[in-house]
Amino acid sequence: MFGEVLLVGVIIGVLSVPVVTVVPALAVGVRHLRRHLAGEADSTRRLLHDLPPAVRDLWQLGLLTPLALALFGYNIWLGRTDLAPGGRVVGAVSAVVGVVVVVVVLRVAGTWEPGRHWRPAVCAAGRRARRDLAGSFLLIAAVVMCGVLVWMLAPLVLVVGGLLAFAMLAVEYRLGPLPVPPPRADSS
């Protein structure tokens, strides 16, 4: 499993170079690890075969997420500079909303299946994040730990995607295994 997580981390790192593909890359990484745990065929070729449907289903979410996080980051910076009245409140609210956005996006990517559009998936992920607060805090801890690993040793940026994908999968599995859909008839 350790080798698979490292391999998925490198693949997610490469696929995430254009920032808007981070969400689809995480989604296919989690899907690959889920297949590996289920004992199904989990070749790298199959992982890359999942990328076009993931990009097709999640490209809007992949575009909106960095834009929203950049806006929240700007609000936090503005709040710390005291240039705007009430800036500290806006900064604090932006920080909380940014954390919620990260958790919901990670839950969407952690449960993505081909053909599942991002809008209903976001609603379902929001409900799941609200019902499973412990899992949401675990995802926040995983993101913080990935940040600490990269801060401590920058080359680990190549593998933290796999560690994050593994954490996303573990959070979903701790409440019971997710139903694994039957393989498609057209898969090779």
Protein backbone atom coordinates (compact mmCIF):
# COMPACT_ATOMS: atom_id res chain seq x y z
CA MET A 1 0.00 0.00 0.00
CA PHE A 2 2.87 2.36 0.79
CA GLY A 3 4.21 1.96 -2.73
CA GLU A 4 0.78 2.62 -4.23
CA VAL A 5 0.37 5.76 -2.14
CA LEU A 6 3.77 7.03 -3.29
CA LEU A 7 3.01 6.20 -6.93
CA VAL A 8 -0.38 7.90 -6.72
CA GLY A 9 1.29 10.90 -5.07
CA VAL A 10 3.72 11.31 -7.94
CA ILE A 11 0.93 10.90 -10.52
CA ILE A 12 -1.29 13.41 -8.69
CA GLY A 13 1.66 15.80 -8.49
CA VAL A 14 2.27 15.61 -12.22
CA LEU A 15 -1.42 15.84 -13.11
CA SER A 16 -1.84 18.83 -10.78
CA VAL A 17 0.74 21.02 -12.49
CA PRO A 18 -2.05 23.01 -14.18
CA VAL A 19 -3.69 24.09 -10.92
CA VAL A 20 -7.25 23.60 -12.18
CA THR A 21 -6.70 19.84 -12.43
CA VAL A 22 -5.97 19.31 -8.72
CA VAL A 23 -9.53 18.19 -7.93
CA PRO A 24 -9.80 15.71 -10.84
CA ALA A 25 -6.29 14.40 -10.09
CA LEU A 26 -7.21 13.77 -6.45
CA ALA A 27 -10.44 12.11 -7.56
CA VAL A 28 -8.69 9.63 -9.85
CA GLY A 29 -6.02 9.01 -7.20
CA VAL A 30 -8.62 8.12 -4.58
CA ARG A 31 -10.47 5.96 -7.10
CA HIS A 32 -7.22 4.13 -7.90
CA LEU A 33 -6.48 3.50 -4.21
CA ARG A 34 -10.07 2.32 -3.66
CA ARG A 35 -9.66 -0.22 -6.48
CA HIS A 36 -6.33 -1.32 -4.99
CA LEU A 37 -7.93 -1.93 -1.59
CA ALA A 38 -10.82 -3.81 -3.21
CA GLY A 39 -8.36 -6.11 -4.98
CA GLU A 40 -9.42 -5.01 -8.47
CA ALA A 41 -7.17 -4.31 -11.43
CA ASP A 42 -5.50 -1.00 -10.61
CA SER A 43 -2.91 -0.31 -13.25
CA THR A 44 -1.51 3.14 -13.87
CA ARG A 45 -3.04 2.96 -17.32
CA ARG A 46 -6.49 2.56 -15.78
CA LEU A 47 -5.81 5.50 -13.47
CA LEU A 48 -4.90 7.68 -16.44
CA HIS A 49 -7.96 6.34 -18.30
CA ASP A 50 -10.12 7.79 -15.48
CA LEU A 51 -8.64 11.27 -15.90
CA PRO A 52 -10.68 12.51 -18.92
CA PRO A 53 -14.05 11.69 -17.29
CA ALA A 54 -12.85 13.29 -14.04
CA VAL A 55 -11.81 16.45 -15.83
CA ARG A 56 -15.12 16.48 -17.74
CA ASP A 57 -17.15 16.08 -14.53
CA LEU A 58 -15.05 18.22 -12.16
CA TRP A 59 -13.39 20.91 -14.29
CA GLN A 60 -15.70 23.68 -13.04
CA LEU A 61 -15.07 22.74 -9.43
CA GLY A 62 -11.35 22.54 -10.19
CA LEU A 63 -11.50 26.07 -11.58
CA LEU A 64 -13.70 27.57 -8.85
CA THR A 65 -11.77 26.10 -5.91
CA PRO A 66 -8.42 27.89 -6.45
CA LEU A 67 -10.25 31.12 -7.29
CA ALA A 68 -12.33 30.94 -4.11
CA LEU A 69 -9.30 30.05 -1.98
CA ALA A 70 -7.35 32.95 -3.50
CA LEU A 71 -10.22 35.31 -2.66
CA PHE A 72 -10.40 33.99 0.90
CA GLY A 73 -6.62 34.31 1.22
CA TYR A 74 -6.84 37.92 0.06
CA ASN A 75 -9.58 38.61 2.61
CA ILE A 76 -7.45 37.08 5.36
CA TRP A 77 -4.45 39.20 4.32
CA LEU A 78 -6.62 42.32 4.16
CA GLY A 79 -7.99 41.57 7.62
CA ARG A 80 -4.49 41.29 9.06
CA THR A 81 -3.41 44.65 7.62
CA ASP A 82 -6.29 46.62 9.24
CA LEU A 83 -6.81 48.52 5.97
CA ALA A 84 -10.54 47.80 5.88
CA PRO A 85 -13.02 48.46 8.65
CA GLY A 86 -14.16 45.19 10.14
CA GLY A 87 -11.35 43.46 8.29
CA ARG A 88 -10.52 41.12 11.14
CA VAL A 89 -14.07 39.77 11.18
CA VAL A 90 -14.06 39.36 7.40
CA GLY A 91 -10.68 37.63 7.65
CA ALA A 92 -11.89 35.24 10.33
CA VAL A 93 -15.07 34.42 8.41
CA SER A 94 -13.03 33.92 5.24
CA ALA A 95 -10.69 31.53 7.05
CA VAL A 96 -13.60 29.44 8.32
CA VAL A 97 -15.35 29.42 4.94
CA GLY A 98 -12.05 28.52 3.24
CA VAL A 99 -11.61 25.51 5.53
CA VAL A 100 -15.19 24.41 4.81
CA VAL A 101 -14.57 24.74 1.07
CA VAL A 102 -11.43 22.60 1.31
CA VAL A 103 -13.24 19.90 3.30
CA VAL A 104 -16.22 19.78 0.93
CA VAL A 105 -14.00 19.70 -2.17
CA LEU A 106 -11.92 16.88 -0.68
CA ARG A 107 -15.09 14.93 0.10
CA VAL A 108 -16.33 15.47 -3.47
CA ALA A 109 -13.05 14.20 -4.86
CA GLY A 110 -13.01 11.31 -2.38
CA THR A 111 -16.38 9.97 -3.50
CA TRP A 112 -16.33 10.86 -7.22
CA GLU A 113 -17.49 8.28 -9.74
CA PRO A 114 -17.52 8.78 -13.53
CA GLY A 115 -20.62 10.52 -14.78
CA ARG A 116 -21.30 12.21 -11.44
CA HIS A 117 -21.56 15.96 -11.98
CA TRP A 118 -19.97 18.25 -9.42
CA ARG A 119 -23.04 20.24 -8.32
CA PRO A 120 -25.04 17.38 -6.77
CA ALA A 121 -21.76 15.94 -5.48
CA VAL A 122 -21.02 19.21 -3.65
CA CYS A 123 -24.45 19.15 -1.99
CA ALA A 124 -23.98 15.52 -0.92
CA ALA A 125 -20.43 16.22 0.30
CA GLY A 126 -21.63 19.20 2.32
CA ARG A 127 -24.26 17.06 4.03
CA ARG A 128 -21.71 14.32 4.65
CA ALA A 129 -19.18 16.81 6.06
CA ARG A 130 -21.82 18.24 8.41
CA ARG A 131 -22.95 14.78 9.60
CA ASP A 132 -19.40 13.47 10.04
CA LEU A 133 -17.61 16.31 11.82
CA ALA A 134 -14.88 13.99 13.09
CA GLY A 135 -14.07 12.98 9.51
CA SER A 136 -14.04 16.63 8.47
CA PHE A 137 -11.55 17.44 11.23
CA LEU A 138 -9.44 14.47 10.13
CA LEU A 139 -9.36 15.88 6.60
CA ILE A 140 -8.31 19.27 7.95
CA ALA A 141 -5.55 17.55 9.95
CA ALA A 142 -4.42 15.69 6.83
CA VAL A 143 -4.18 18.93 4.84
CA VAL A 144 -2.24 20.59 7.67
CA MET A 145 0.12 17.63 7.94
CA CYS A 146 0.71 17.62 4.18
CA GLY A 147 1.54 21.32 4.44
CA VAL A 148 3.94 20.66 7.31
CA LEU A 149 5.65 17.86 5.37
CA VAL A 150 6.19 20.14 2.37
CA TRP A 151 7.35 22.97 4.64
CA MET A 152 9.87 20.66 6.30
CA LEU A 153 11.16 19.07 3.11
CA ALA A 154 10.05 20.65 -0.17
CA PRO A 155 10.66 17.57 -2.40
CA LEU A 156 7.87 15.79 -0.52
CA VAL A 157 5.48 17.88 -2.59
CA LEU A 158 5.71 14.96 -5.04
CA VAL A 159 4.11 12.51 -2.64
CA VAL A 160 1.72 14.54 -0.49
CA GLY A 161 -1.01 14.16 -3.12
CA GLY A 162 -0.96 10.42 -2.51
CA LEU A 163 -0.97 10.90 1.25
CA LEU A 164 -3.93 13.25 0.96
CA ALA A 165 -5.76 10.83 -1.35
CA PHE A 166 -5.13 8.04 1.16
CA ALA A 167 -6.46 10.21 3.99
CA MET A 168 -9.56 11.04 1.94
CA LEU A 169 -10.16 7.35 1.32
CA ALA A 170 -9.59 6.48 4.98
CA VAL A 171 -12.08 9.11 6.14
CA GLU A 172 -14.74 7.71 3.85
CA TYR A 173 -13.98 4.08 4.79
CA ARG A 174 -14.00 4.63 8.54
CA LEU A 175 -17.79 4.86 8.49
CA GLY A 176 -18.01 1.68 6.43
CA PRO A 177 -16.86 0.80 2.95
CA LEU A 178 -18.38 2.75 0.13
CA PRO A 179 -20.23 0.67 -2.42
CA VAL A 180 -17.90 -0.14 -5.28
CA PRO A 181 -19.79 0.02 -8.57
CA PRO A 182 -19.49 -2.95 -10.92
CA PRO A 183 -16.92 -2.54 -13.69
CA ARG A 184 -18.22 -0.99 -16.88
CA ALA A 185 -18.74 -3.35 -19.79
CA ASP A 186 -16.63 -1.18 -22.10
CA SER A 187 -13.55 -1.11 -19.83
CA SER A 188 -10.42 -2.75 -21.17
